[in-house]
Amino acid sequence: MSSAFVPPKAGNAAACNIKIKGLSTEEIAREIRGQLLTLDGVLKVRMSITDQSARVEYQPSKLSPTHLGTIIGQMGYSYTVRSMQRTM
């Protein structure tokens, strides 16, 4: 059984930008990114300390932006989902 990454089919991915209050260091960015990547359905996470935001690509059949934000909130950070879009 192969563990190679298989990209989702077209239309099966979405992305959202989440503003994260307190995202001020690389350490915090790594912590949040690492936590999000443990979730089944998260495909990619890009963090921006400058913008205090995360861009998360995910499978909407498994997760929602609200769920992603809830995880960030449980880590002690305030968040706002800024935008959502389909990818691919």
N, C-alpha and C. Protein backbone atom coordinates (compact mmCIF):
# COMPACT_ATOMS: atom_id res chain seq x y z
N MET A 1 0.84 -1.18 0.00
CA MET A 1 0.00 0.00 0.00
C MET A 1 0.89 1.24 0.00
N SER A 2 0.65 2.14 -0.92
CA SER A 2 1.46 3.35 -1.08
C SER A 2 0.95 4.46 -0.18
N SER A 3 1.87 5.24 0.36
CA SER A 3 1.47 6.39 1.18
C SER A 3 1.70 7.69 0.43
N ALA A 4 1.85 7.62 -0.89
CA ALA A 4 2.08 8.82 -1.70
C ALA A 4 0.87 9.74 -1.64
N PHE A 5 1.13 11.02 -1.71
CA PHE A 5 0.06 12.01 -1.70
C PHE A 5 -0.74 11.91 -2.98
N VAL A 6 -2.05 11.83 -2.86
CA VAL A 6 -2.94 11.83 -4.01
C VAL A 6 -3.76 13.11 -3.93
N PRO A 7 -3.57 14.03 -4.90
CA PRO A 7 -4.32 15.28 -4.82
C PRO A 7 -5.81 15.04 -4.99
N PRO A 8 -6.63 15.88 -4.38
CA PRO A 8 -8.07 15.71 -4.51
C PRO A 8 -8.52 15.99 -5.94
N LYS A 9 -9.65 15.42 -6.32
CA LYS A 9 -10.21 15.67 -7.65
C LYS A 9 -10.68 17.11 -7.72
N ALA A 10 -10.74 17.63 -8.94
CA ALA A 10 -11.19 19.00 -9.15
C ALA A 10 -12.55 19.22 -8.48
N GLY A 11 -12.70 20.35 -7.84
CA GLY A 11 -13.94 20.68 -7.17
C GLY A 11 -14.05 20.13 -5.76
N ASN A 12 -13.10 19.33 -5.33
CA ASN A 12 -13.15 18.73 -4.00
C ASN A 12 -12.30 19.48 -2.99
N ALA A 13 -11.79 20.63 -3.34
CA ALA A 13 -10.97 21.40 -2.42
C ALA A 13 -11.47 22.83 -2.35
N ALA A 14 -11.25 23.43 -1.20
CA ALA A 14 -11.59 24.83 -0.99
C ALA A 14 -10.47 25.45 -0.18
N ALA A 15 -10.47 26.77 -0.09
CA ALA A 15 -9.46 27.47 0.69
C ALA A 15 -10.13 28.59 1.47
N CYS A 16 -9.58 28.89 2.62
CA CYS A 16 -10.05 30.04 3.39
C CYS A 16 -8.85 30.76 3.98
N ASN A 17 -9.03 32.05 4.18
CA ASN A 17 -8.04 32.88 4.86
C ASN A 17 -8.57 33.19 6.24
N ILE A 18 -7.75 32.95 7.23
CA ILE A 18 -8.17 33.15 8.62
C ILE A 18 -7.23 34.16 9.26
N LYS A 19 -7.78 35.26 9.73
CA LYS A 19 -7.01 36.27 10.46
C LYS A 19 -6.85 35.76 11.89
N ILE A 20 -5.60 35.77 12.40
CA ILE A 20 -5.31 35.22 13.73
C ILE A 20 -4.64 36.29 14.58
N LYS A 21 -5.37 36.77 15.58
CA LYS A 21 -4.81 37.78 16.48
C LYS A 21 -3.75 37.12 17.36
N GLY A 22 -2.56 37.70 17.39
CA GLY A 22 -1.48 37.17 18.21
C GLY A 22 -0.48 36.32 17.43
N LEU A 23 -0.69 36.18 16.13
CA LEU A 23 0.26 35.44 15.30
C LEU A 23 1.45 36.36 15.03
N SER A 24 2.43 36.29 15.93
CA SER A 24 3.51 37.28 15.88
C SER A 24 4.91 36.68 15.77
N THR A 25 5.03 35.37 15.90
CA THR A 25 6.36 34.75 15.83
C THR A 25 6.32 33.49 14.98
N GLU A 26 7.49 33.06 14.53
CA GLU A 26 7.61 31.81 13.77
C GLU A 26 7.19 30.62 14.63
N GLU A 27 7.50 30.68 15.91
CA GLU A 27 7.14 29.58 16.81
C GLU A 27 5.62 29.40 16.88
N ILE A 28 4.90 30.52 17.01
CA ILE A 28 3.44 30.45 17.04
C ILE A 28 2.91 29.95 15.71
N ALA A 29 3.47 30.44 14.61
CA ALA A 29 3.05 30.00 13.28
C ALA A 29 3.24 28.50 13.11
N ARG A 30 4.39 27.98 13.55
CA ARG A 30 4.65 26.54 13.45
C ARG A 30 3.66 25.74 14.30
N GLU A 31 3.37 26.25 15.50
CA GLU A 31 2.43 25.57 16.40
C GLU A 31 1.04 25.47 15.76
N ILE A 32 0.53 26.58 15.25
CA ILE A 32 -0.80 26.59 14.64
C ILE A 32 -0.81 25.74 13.37
N ARG A 33 0.19 25.92 12.53
CA ARG A 33 0.27 25.15 11.28
C ARG A 33 0.31 23.65 11.58
N GLY A 34 1.13 23.26 12.53
CA GLY A 34 1.25 21.85 12.89
C GLY A 34 -0.07 21.28 13.38
N GLN A 35 -0.79 22.04 14.19
CA GLN A 35 -2.08 21.58 14.70
C GLN A 35 -3.09 21.42 13.57
N LEU A 36 -3.15 22.39 12.67
CA LEU A 36 -4.10 22.31 11.56
C LEU A 36 -3.78 21.13 10.63
N LEU A 37 -2.50 20.87 10.41
CA LEU A 37 -2.12 19.77 9.52
C LEU A 37 -2.44 18.39 10.09
N THR A 38 -2.73 18.30 11.38
CA THR A 38 -3.11 17.01 11.95
C THR A 38 -4.56 16.65 11.62
N LEU A 39 -5.34 17.62 11.15
CA LEU A 39 -6.75 17.39 10.88
C LEU A 39 -6.95 16.66 9.55
N ASP A 40 -7.76 15.63 9.58
CA ASP A 40 -8.10 14.92 8.35
C ASP A 40 -8.88 15.87 7.45
N GLY A 41 -8.39 16.08 6.25
CA GLY A 41 -9.04 16.97 5.31
C GLY A 41 -8.29 18.25 5.05
N VAL A 42 -7.29 18.58 5.88
CA VAL A 42 -6.45 19.75 5.62
C VAL A 42 -5.37 19.33 4.62
N LEU A 43 -5.30 20.07 3.52
CA LEU A 43 -4.37 19.74 2.45
C LEU A 43 -3.09 20.56 2.51
N LYS A 44 -3.21 21.84 2.87
CA LYS A 44 -2.05 22.73 2.86
C LYS A 44 -2.34 23.92 3.77
N VAL A 45 -1.31 24.40 4.46
CA VAL A 45 -1.44 25.57 5.33
C VAL A 45 -0.26 26.49 5.06
N ARG A 46 -0.57 27.75 4.77
CA ARG A 46 0.48 28.77 4.63
C ARG A 46 0.21 29.85 5.66
N MET A 47 1.23 30.15 6.44
CA MET A 47 1.11 31.13 7.50
C MET A 47 1.80 32.44 7.09
N SER A 48 1.23 33.58 7.50
CA SER A 48 1.85 34.88 7.27
C SER A 48 1.86 35.65 8.58
N ILE A 49 3.05 35.83 9.12
CA ILE A 49 3.19 36.62 10.34
C ILE A 49 2.89 38.09 10.03
N THR A 50 3.34 38.56 8.87
CA THR A 50 3.12 39.95 8.47
C THR A 50 1.64 40.30 8.46
N ASP A 51 0.82 39.42 7.88
CA ASP A 51 -0.63 39.66 7.80
C ASP A 51 -1.40 39.08 8.98
N GLN A 52 -0.69 38.38 9.86
CA GLN A 52 -1.31 37.65 10.97
C GLN A 52 -2.47 36.80 10.45
N SER A 53 -2.14 35.94 9.47
CA SER A 53 -3.19 35.12 8.87
C SER A 53 -2.67 33.76 8.44
N ALA A 54 -3.62 32.88 8.19
CA ALA A 54 -3.32 31.55 7.65
C ALA A 54 -4.21 31.34 6.43
N ARG A 55 -3.64 30.78 5.38
CA ARG A 55 -4.43 30.34 4.23
C ARG A 55 -4.46 28.82 4.31
N VAL A 56 -5.64 28.27 4.41
CA VAL A 56 -5.80 26.83 4.60
C VAL A 56 -6.57 26.26 3.42
N GLU A 57 -5.95 25.28 2.75
CA GLU A 57 -6.64 24.53 1.71
C GLU A 57 -7.13 23.23 2.35
N TYR A 58 -8.40 22.91 2.11
CA TYR A 58 -9.02 21.79 2.81
C TYR A 58 -10.09 21.14 1.94
N GLN A 59 -10.55 19.99 2.38
CA GLN A 59 -11.64 19.29 1.71
C GLN A 59 -12.94 19.63 2.42
N PRO A 60 -13.84 20.36 1.76
CA PRO A 60 -15.06 20.78 2.43
C PRO A 60 -15.99 19.63 2.81
N SER A 61 -15.78 18.47 2.23
CA SER A 61 -16.59 17.31 2.63
C SER A 61 -16.18 16.80 4.01
N LYS A 62 -15.00 17.23 4.50
CA LYS A 62 -14.50 16.76 5.79
C LYS A 62 -14.43 17.86 6.84
N LEU A 63 -14.24 19.11 6.42
CA LEU A 63 -14.04 20.23 7.34
C LEU A 63 -14.77 21.47 6.85
N SER A 64 -14.96 22.41 7.76
CA SER A 64 -15.49 23.72 7.38
C SER A 64 -14.55 24.79 7.93
N PRO A 65 -14.62 26.01 7.39
CA PRO A 65 -13.81 27.09 7.95
C PRO A 65 -14.12 27.32 9.43
N THR A 66 -15.38 27.12 9.82
CA THR A 66 -15.74 27.28 11.23
C THR A 66 -14.99 26.28 12.10
N HIS A 67 -14.88 25.04 11.64
CA HIS A 67 -14.15 24.02 12.39
C HIS A 67 -12.67 24.40 12.49
N LEU A 68 -12.10 24.87 11.39
CA LEU A 68 -10.68 25.29 11.41
C LEU A 68 -10.48 26.41 12.43
N GLY A 69 -11.38 27.39 12.41
CA GLY A 69 -11.28 28.49 13.36
C GLY A 69 -11.44 28.03 14.79
N THR A 70 -12.34 27.09 15.02
CA THR A 70 -12.54 26.56 16.37
C THR A 70 -11.26 25.95 16.92
N ILE A 71 -10.54 25.23 16.08
CA ILE A 71 -9.26 24.64 16.50
C ILE A 71 -8.29 25.74 16.92
N ILE A 72 -8.22 26.80 16.12
CA ILE A 72 -7.33 27.92 16.44
C ILE A 72 -7.78 28.58 17.74
N GLY A 73 -9.09 28.74 17.92
CA GLY A 73 -9.62 29.32 19.16
C GLY A 73 -9.30 28.47 20.38
N GLN A 74 -9.34 27.15 20.23
CA GLN A 74 -9.02 26.25 21.34
C GLN A 74 -7.55 26.35 21.73
N MET A 75 -6.73 26.85 20.82
CA MET A 75 -5.31 27.05 21.12
C MET A 75 -5.08 28.38 21.84
N GLY A 76 -6.14 29.17 22.01
CA GLY A 76 -6.03 30.42 22.75
C GLY A 76 -5.92 31.66 21.90
N TYR A 77 -6.19 31.56 20.60
CA TYR A 77 -6.07 32.71 19.70
C TYR A 77 -7.43 33.12 19.18
N SER A 78 -7.64 34.43 19.06
CA SER A 78 -8.85 34.95 18.44
C SER A 78 -8.69 34.86 16.94
N TYR A 79 -9.78 34.60 16.24
CA TYR A 79 -9.69 34.42 14.79
C TYR A 79 -10.92 35.01 14.10
N THR A 80 -10.76 35.32 12.82
CA THR A 80 -11.85 35.72 11.95
C THR A 80 -11.62 35.09 10.59
N VAL A 81 -12.62 34.37 10.08
CA VAL A 81 -12.52 33.82 8.74
C VAL A 81 -12.74 34.98 7.78
N ARG A 82 -11.72 35.25 6.94
CA ARG A 82 -11.76 36.44 6.06
C ARG A 82 -12.33 36.14 4.69
N SER A 83 -12.05 35.02 4.11
CA SER A 83 -12.58 34.71 2.78
C SER A 83 -12.53 33.22 2.54
N MET A 84 -13.40 32.79 1.63
CA MET A 84 -13.44 31.38 1.27
C MET A 84 -13.55 31.28 -0.25
N GLN A 85 -12.97 30.21 -0.81
CA GLN A 85 -13.08 30.00 -2.25
C GLN A 85 -12.84 28.55 -2.59
N ARG A 86 -13.41 28.13 -3.69
CA ARG A 86 -13.12 26.81 -4.23
C ARG A 86 -11.76 26.87 -4.92
N THR A 87 -11.03 25.77 -4.88
CA THR A 87 -9.75 25.70 -5.58
C THR A 87 -9.83 24.60 -6.62
N MET A 88 -8.83 24.57 -7.46
CA MET A 88 -8.69 23.58 -8.52
C MET A 88 -9.74 23.76 -9.55
